[in-house]
Amino acid sequence: MPGVYEICVTDHFAAAHALKGYDGNCSNLHGHNWIVEAHIQCFKLNKLGIGIDFRDVKGVVKDVLSKLDHTNLNEVVEFSSINPTSENLAKFLYKELSRRLNTEHIKVSKIMVFESPGCGSSYREE
């Protein structure tokens, strides 16, 4: 079985959210400095020994996160019918980054979202 390389790019954004139906303070509008880790699997390296250029991944991640930065996530269309929890945010980012980055030899493997230090969730598909 051939080996698989995996790279990770980390970025951040600031946004507010309120959890509808939550019994506690998080039902009120509040903000986080979100940290996002994008894990990308590479099944083949180019002649330089690179699976995917960090710069390319950073650019796509930054572009996607720029649409969320300094927003109320509850008002972002993708969260109009679901709570903007860290779990749902991780799935949204996984789907969006996969759509933009996946190729025959490259696959987004996991997205990790931290809403505060030590508290986060991840999403991946088997």
N, C-alpha and C. Protein backbone atom coordinates (compact mmCIF):
# COMPACT_ATOMS: atom_id res chain seq x y z
N MET A 1 0.85 -1.18 0.00
CA MET A 1 0.00 0.00 0.00
C MET A 1 0.89 1.24 0.00
N PRO A 2 0.69 2.14 -0.95
CA PRO A 2 1.53 3.34 -1.01
C PRO A 2 1.23 4.30 0.15
N GLY A 3 2.22 5.09 0.50
CA GLY A 3 2.06 6.06 1.57
C GLY A 3 1.24 7.27 1.12
N VAL A 4 0.76 7.99 2.11
CA VAL A 4 -0.02 9.21 1.87
C VAL A 4 0.64 10.34 2.66
N TYR A 5 0.86 11.45 2.01
CA TYR A 5 1.38 12.64 2.67
C TYR A 5 0.19 13.48 3.14
N GLU A 6 0.37 14.20 4.22
CA GLU A 6 -0.68 15.10 4.67
C GLU A 6 -0.05 16.40 5.13
N ILE A 7 -0.58 17.50 4.62
CA ILE A 7 -0.12 18.81 5.06
C ILE A 7 -1.24 19.46 5.87
N CYS A 8 -0.88 20.48 6.62
CA CYS A 8 -1.85 21.20 7.43
C CYS A 8 -1.59 22.68 7.30
N VAL A 9 -2.65 23.43 7.07
CA VAL A 9 -2.58 24.89 7.03
C VAL A 9 -3.54 25.42 8.07
N THR A 10 -3.07 26.37 8.87
CA THR A 10 -3.89 26.96 9.93
C THR A 10 -4.11 28.43 9.63
N ASP A 11 -5.35 28.88 9.83
CA ASP A 11 -5.69 30.29 9.65
C ASP A 11 -6.74 30.64 10.69
N HIS A 12 -7.19 31.87 10.69
CA HIS A 12 -8.16 32.31 11.70
C HIS A 12 -9.08 33.38 11.14
N PHE A 13 -10.18 33.59 11.84
CA PHE A 13 -11.10 34.69 11.52
C PHE A 13 -11.90 35.00 12.78
N ALA A 14 -12.50 36.17 12.79
CA ALA A 14 -13.34 36.59 13.92
C ALA A 14 -14.78 36.68 13.44
N ALA A 15 -15.69 36.10 14.21
CA ALA A 15 -17.11 36.16 13.85
C ALA A 15 -17.96 35.89 15.08
N ALA A 16 -19.18 36.38 15.01
CA ALA A 16 -20.16 36.18 16.08
C ALA A 16 -21.15 35.10 15.67
N HIS A 17 -21.81 34.54 16.67
CA HIS A 17 -22.93 33.63 16.42
C HIS A 17 -23.78 33.52 17.68
N ALA A 18 -24.97 33.01 17.52
CA ALA A 18 -25.87 32.69 18.62
C ALA A 18 -26.47 31.34 18.32
N LEU A 19 -26.53 30.48 19.32
CA LEU A 19 -27.04 29.13 19.10
C LEU A 19 -28.52 29.08 19.44
N LYS A 20 -29.34 28.98 18.39
CA LYS A 20 -30.79 28.93 18.56
C LYS A 20 -31.17 27.64 19.29
N GLY A 21 -32.03 27.77 20.31
CA GLY A 21 -32.50 26.61 21.04
C GLY A 21 -31.56 26.12 22.12
N TYR A 22 -30.42 26.74 22.27
CA TYR A 22 -29.45 26.33 23.29
C TYR A 22 -29.88 26.86 24.64
N ASP A 23 -29.81 26.04 25.68
CA ASP A 23 -30.20 26.45 27.03
C ASP A 23 -28.96 26.94 27.79
N GLY A 24 -28.64 28.20 27.59
CA GLY A 24 -27.46 28.76 28.25
C GLY A 24 -27.02 30.03 27.56
N ASN A 25 -25.88 30.56 28.03
CA ASN A 25 -25.37 31.84 27.53
C ASN A 25 -25.10 31.85 26.03
N CYS A 26 -24.79 30.71 25.45
CA CYS A 26 -24.45 30.66 24.02
C CYS A 26 -25.66 30.93 23.12
N SER A 27 -26.85 31.03 23.72
CA SER A 27 -28.01 31.41 22.92
C SER A 27 -28.01 32.91 22.64
N ASN A 28 -27.20 33.64 23.38
CA ASN A 28 -27.04 35.08 23.14
C ASN A 28 -25.94 35.30 22.09
N LEU A 29 -26.06 36.38 21.35
CA LEU A 29 -25.04 36.72 20.37
C LEU A 29 -23.71 36.94 21.08
N HIS A 30 -22.68 36.26 20.61
CA HIS A 30 -21.34 36.39 21.19
C HIS A 30 -20.32 36.08 20.10
N GLY A 31 -19.09 36.46 20.33
CA GLY A 31 -18.08 36.30 19.30
C GLY A 31 -16.95 35.37 19.70
N HIS A 32 -16.24 34.91 18.67
CA HIS A 32 -15.07 34.05 18.86
C HIS A 32 -13.99 34.49 17.89
N ASN A 33 -12.77 34.22 18.27
CA ASN A 33 -11.65 34.27 17.34
C ASN A 33 -11.40 32.82 16.93
N TRP A 34 -12.04 32.43 15.84
CA TRP A 34 -12.02 31.06 15.36
C TRP A 34 -10.66 30.71 14.76
N ILE A 35 -10.20 29.50 15.03
CA ILE A 35 -8.97 28.99 14.41
C ILE A 35 -9.38 27.77 13.58
N VAL A 36 -8.88 27.72 12.35
CA VAL A 36 -9.23 26.65 11.43
C VAL A 36 -7.96 25.95 10.96
N GLU A 37 -7.96 24.63 11.07
CA GLU A 37 -6.89 23.80 10.52
C GLU A 37 -7.45 23.02 9.34
N ALA A 38 -6.80 23.15 8.21
CA ALA A 38 -7.18 22.39 7.02
C ALA A 38 -6.12 21.32 6.79
N HIS A 39 -6.53 20.07 6.84
CA HIS A 39 -5.63 18.94 6.61
C HIS A 39 -5.88 18.41 5.20
N ILE A 40 -4.81 18.33 4.42
CA ILE A 40 -4.91 17.95 3.01
C ILE A 40 -4.02 16.74 2.76
N GLN A 41 -4.61 15.68 2.20
CA GLN A 41 -3.84 14.49 1.83
C GLN A 41 -3.33 14.63 0.40
N CYS A 42 -2.10 14.19 0.21
CA CYS A 42 -1.48 14.21 -1.11
C CYS A 42 -1.01 12.79 -1.41
N PHE A 43 -1.47 12.26 -2.52
CA PHE A 43 -1.18 10.88 -2.88
C PHE A 43 -0.01 10.76 -3.86
N LYS A 44 0.48 11.91 -4.30
CA LYS A 44 1.58 11.93 -5.27
C LYS A 44 2.33 13.25 -5.11
N LEU A 45 3.64 13.21 -5.23
CA LEU A 45 4.46 14.42 -5.16
C LEU A 45 4.89 14.83 -6.57
N ASN A 46 5.08 16.13 -6.77
CA ASN A 46 5.60 16.60 -8.06
C ASN A 46 7.12 16.40 -8.10
N LYS A 47 7.76 16.83 -9.17
CA LYS A 47 9.20 16.60 -9.33
C LYS A 47 10.03 17.32 -8.28
N LEU A 48 9.45 18.33 -7.62
CA LEU A 48 10.16 19.03 -6.55
C LEU A 48 9.96 18.37 -5.19
N GLY A 49 9.08 17.37 -5.14
CA GLY A 49 8.78 16.71 -3.87
C GLY A 49 7.65 17.37 -3.11
N ILE A 50 6.77 18.10 -3.81
CA ILE A 50 5.66 18.82 -3.20
C ILE A 50 4.35 18.16 -3.62
N GLY A 51 3.48 17.90 -2.65
CA GLY A 51 2.16 17.36 -2.96
C GLY A 51 1.20 18.44 -3.40
N ILE A 52 1.16 19.51 -2.65
CA ILE A 52 0.40 20.72 -2.99
C ILE A 52 1.12 21.88 -2.31
N ASP A 53 1.23 22.97 -2.99
CA ASP A 53 1.96 24.13 -2.46
C ASP A 53 1.19 24.75 -1.30
N PHE A 54 1.87 24.94 -0.18
CA PHE A 54 1.24 25.58 0.98
C PHE A 54 0.60 26.91 0.57
N ARG A 55 1.28 27.64 -0.29
CA ARG A 55 0.78 28.94 -0.73
C ARG A 55 -0.58 28.81 -1.41
N ASP A 56 -0.75 27.78 -2.21
CA ASP A 56 -2.04 27.57 -2.88
C ASP A 56 -3.14 27.26 -1.87
N VAL A 57 -2.84 26.39 -0.92
CA VAL A 57 -3.84 26.03 0.11
C VAL A 57 -4.17 27.25 0.95
N LYS A 58 -3.14 28.00 1.38
CA LYS A 58 -3.37 29.20 2.19
C LYS A 58 -4.27 30.19 1.46
N GLY A 59 -4.05 30.36 0.16
CA GLY A 59 -4.86 31.29 -0.61
C GLY A 59 -6.32 30.91 -0.65
N VAL A 60 -6.60 29.63 -0.85
CA VAL A 60 -7.98 29.16 -0.89
C VAL A 60 -8.62 29.27 0.50
N VAL A 61 -7.90 28.85 1.52
CA VAL A 61 -8.43 28.94 2.89
C VAL A 61 -8.73 30.40 3.24
N LYS A 62 -7.80 31.28 2.96
CA LYS A 62 -7.99 32.71 3.25
C LYS A 62 -9.20 33.27 2.51
N ASP A 63 -9.38 32.89 1.26
CA ASP A 63 -10.51 33.37 0.47
C ASP A 63 -11.84 32.90 1.08
N VAL A 64 -11.92 31.64 1.45
CA VAL A 64 -13.15 31.11 2.04
C VAL A 64 -13.43 31.78 3.38
N LEU A 65 -12.39 31.90 4.23
CA LEU A 65 -12.59 32.50 5.55
C LEU A 65 -12.91 33.99 5.47
N SER A 66 -12.45 34.67 4.42
CA SER A 66 -12.72 36.11 4.29
C SER A 66 -14.23 36.38 4.16
N LYS A 67 -14.98 35.40 3.66
CA LYS A 67 -16.43 35.56 3.53
C LYS A 67 -17.14 35.40 4.88
N LEU A 68 -16.43 34.87 5.89
CA LEU A 68 -16.99 34.68 7.22
C LEU A 68 -16.45 35.70 8.22
N ASP A 69 -15.31 36.29 7.92
CA ASP A 69 -14.64 37.18 8.86
C ASP A 69 -15.48 38.41 9.17
N HIS A 70 -15.58 38.72 10.44
CA HIS A 70 -16.33 39.88 10.94
C HIS A 70 -17.79 39.87 10.50
N THR A 71 -18.39 38.67 10.55
CA THR A 71 -19.81 38.54 10.26
C THR A 71 -20.53 38.00 11.49
N ASN A 72 -21.85 38.04 11.42
CA ASN A 72 -22.69 37.26 12.32
C ASN A 72 -22.99 35.99 11.53
N LEU A 73 -22.44 34.87 11.95
CA LEU A 73 -22.58 33.63 11.20
C LEU A 73 -24.04 33.22 11.01
N ASN A 74 -24.92 33.63 11.93
CA ASN A 74 -26.34 33.32 11.79
C ASN A 74 -26.93 33.98 10.54
N GLU A 75 -26.28 35.02 10.04
CA GLU A 75 -26.78 35.74 8.86
C GLU A 75 -26.12 35.28 7.56
N VAL A 76 -25.19 34.34 7.65
CA VAL A 76 -24.54 33.77 6.46
C VAL A 76 -25.50 32.73 5.88
N VAL A 77 -25.74 32.80 4.60
CA VAL A 77 -26.77 31.98 3.95
C VAL A 77 -26.62 30.49 4.24
N GLU A 78 -25.40 29.98 4.33
CA GLU A 78 -25.19 28.56 4.58
C GLU A 78 -25.68 28.12 5.96
N PHE A 79 -25.87 29.08 6.85
CA PHE A 79 -26.34 28.77 8.21
C PHE A 79 -27.75 29.30 8.47
N SER A 80 -28.49 29.58 7.41
CA SER A 80 -29.84 30.11 7.58
C SER A 80 -30.80 29.09 8.18
N SER A 81 -30.54 27.80 7.97
CA SER A 81 -31.45 26.79 8.50
C SER A 81 -30.80 25.86 9.52
N ILE A 82 -29.51 26.07 9.81
CA ILE A 82 -28.82 25.27 10.83
C ILE A 82 -28.04 26.20 11.75
N ASN A 83 -27.81 25.75 12.97
CA ASN A 83 -27.02 26.53 13.91
C ASN A 83 -25.57 26.60 13.44
N PRO A 84 -24.95 27.77 13.56
CA PRO A 84 -23.54 27.90 13.19
C PRO A 84 -22.62 27.42 14.33
N THR A 85 -22.76 26.14 14.67
CA THR A 85 -21.90 25.53 15.68
C THR A 85 -20.52 25.27 15.08
N SER A 86 -19.57 24.95 15.92
CA SER A 86 -18.25 24.62 15.39
C SER A 86 -18.33 23.35 14.54
N GLU A 87 -19.22 22.42 14.88
CA GLU A 87 -19.39 21.21 14.09
C GLU A 87 -19.91 21.54 12.69
N ASN A 88 -20.97 22.34 12.63
CA ASN A 88 -21.54 22.71 11.33
C ASN A 88 -20.59 23.58 10.52
N LEU A 89 -19.83 24.42 11.20
CA LEU A 89 -18.83 25.24 10.52
C LEU A 89 -17.73 24.36 9.93
N ALA A 90 -17.29 23.35 10.67
CA ALA A 90 -16.26 22.43 10.17
C ALA A 90 -16.76 21.71 8.92
N LYS A 91 -18.01 21.26 8.92
CA LYS A 91 -18.55 20.56 7.75
C LYS A 91 -18.66 21.51 6.56
N PHE A 92 -19.15 22.72 6.80
CA PHE A 92 -19.25 23.70 5.71
C PHE A 92 -17.88 23.95 5.08
N LEU A 93 -16.86 24.18 5.92
CA LEU A 93 -15.51 24.45 5.42
C LEU A 93 -14.95 23.23 4.69
N TYR A 94 -15.20 22.04 5.20
CA TYR A 94 -14.75 20.82 4.53
C TYR A 94 -15.33 20.75 3.12
N LYS A 95 -16.62 20.96 3.00
CA LYS A 95 -17.28 20.87 1.69
C LYS A 95 -16.75 21.95 0.74
N GLU A 96 -16.63 23.17 1.23
CA GLU A 96 -16.18 24.28 0.38
C GLU A 96 -14.73 24.11 -0.05
N LEU A 97 -13.86 23.73 0.88
CA LEU A 97 -12.45 23.55 0.53
C LEU A 97 -12.27 22.33 -0.37
N SER A 98 -13.04 21.28 -0.14
CA SER A 98 -12.97 20.09 -1.00
C SER A 98 -13.36 20.44 -2.43
N ARG A 99 -14.41 21.22 -2.56
CA ARG A 99 -14.87 21.63 -3.90
C ARG A 99 -13.78 22.38 -4.64
N ARG A 100 -12.99 23.14 -3.91
CA ARG A 100 -11.99 24.00 -4.56
C ARG A 100 -10.60 23.38 -4.66
N LEU A 101 -10.29 22.40 -3.82
CA LEU A 101 -8.93 21.86 -3.78
C LEU A 101 -8.78 20.42 -4.27
N ASN A 102 -9.82 19.62 -4.12
CA ASN A 102 -9.66 18.20 -4.44
C ASN A 102 -9.37 17.96 -5.92
N THR A 103 -8.44 17.04 -6.16
CA THR A 103 -8.11 16.57 -7.51
C THR A 103 -7.94 15.06 -7.41
N GLU A 104 -7.44 14.48 -8.49
CA GLU A 104 -7.18 13.04 -8.49
C GLU A 104 -6.14 12.66 -7.43
N HIS A 105 -5.19 13.57 -7.14
CA HIS A 105 -4.08 13.27 -6.24
C HIS A 105 -4.10 14.06 -4.94
N ILE A 106 -5.13 14.89 -4.74
CA ILE A 106 -5.21 15.77 -3.56
C ILE A 106 -6.61 15.67 -2.99
N LYS A 107 -6.70 15.53 -1.65
CA LYS A 107 -8.01 15.42 -1.02
C LYS A 107 -7.98 16.10 0.35
N VAL A 108 -8.95 16.98 0.59
CA VAL A 108 -9.12 17.52 1.93
C VAL A 108 -9.50 16.34 2.81
N SER A 109 -8.73 16.10 3.86
CA SER A 109 -8.98 14.93 4.71
C SER A 109 -9.75 15.29 5.98
N LYS A 110 -9.51 16.49 6.50
CA LYS A 110 -10.17 16.86 7.76
C LYS A 110 -10.10 18.36 7.94
N ILE A 111 -11.14 18.91 8.52
CA ILE A 111 -11.14 20.31 8.94
C ILE A 111 -11.36 20.33 10.44
N MET A 112 -10.52 21.06 11.13
CA MET A 112 -10.63 21.24 12.58
C MET A 112 -10.94 22.71 12.83
N VAL A 113 -11.96 22.97 13.65
CA VAL A 113 -12.38 24.33 13.97
C VAL A 113 -12.34 24.50 15.49
N PHE A 114 -11.61 25.50 15.94
CA PHE A 114 -11.55 25.84 17.37
C PHE A 114 -12.28 27.16 17.58
N GLU A 115 -13.25 27.17 18.51
CA GLU A 115 -13.93 28.43 18.82
C GLU A 115 -13.29 29.12 20.02
N SER A 116 -12.50 28.38 20.78
CA SER A 116 -11.71 28.95 21.87
C SER A 116 -10.57 27.98 22.13
N PRO A 117 -9.52 28.42 22.81
CA PRO A 117 -8.39 27.51 23.05
C PRO A 117 -8.85 26.24 23.76
N GLY A 118 -8.53 25.11 23.19
CA GLY A 118 -8.85 23.83 23.80
C GLY A 118 -10.25 23.32 23.50
N CYS A 119 -11.08 24.08 22.77
CA CYS A 119 -12.45 23.65 22.46
C CYS A 119 -12.69 23.74 20.97
N GLY A 120 -12.82 22.59 20.34
CA GLY A 120 -13.04 22.59 18.90
C GLY A 120 -13.67 21.30 18.44
N SER A 121 -13.94 21.24 17.17
CA SER A 121 -14.51 20.04 16.57
C SER A 121 -13.94 19.87 15.17
N SER A 122 -14.03 18.65 14.68
CA SER A 122 -13.52 18.37 13.34
C SER A 122 -14.59 17.67 12.52
N TYR A 123 -14.38 17.73 11.20
CA TYR A 123 -15.26 17.03 10.28
C TYR A 123 -14.41 16.40 9.20
N ARG A 124 -14.73 15.15 8.86
CA ARG A 124 -14.08 14.44 7.77
C ARG A 124 -15.08 13.45 7.21
N GLU A 125 -14.81 12.97 6.03
CA GLU A 125 -15.66 11.95 5.43
C GLU A 125 -14.79 10.73 5.17
N GLU A 126 -15.34 9.58 5.47
CA GLU A 126 -14.62 8.32 5.30
C GLU A 126 -14.61 7.90 3.85
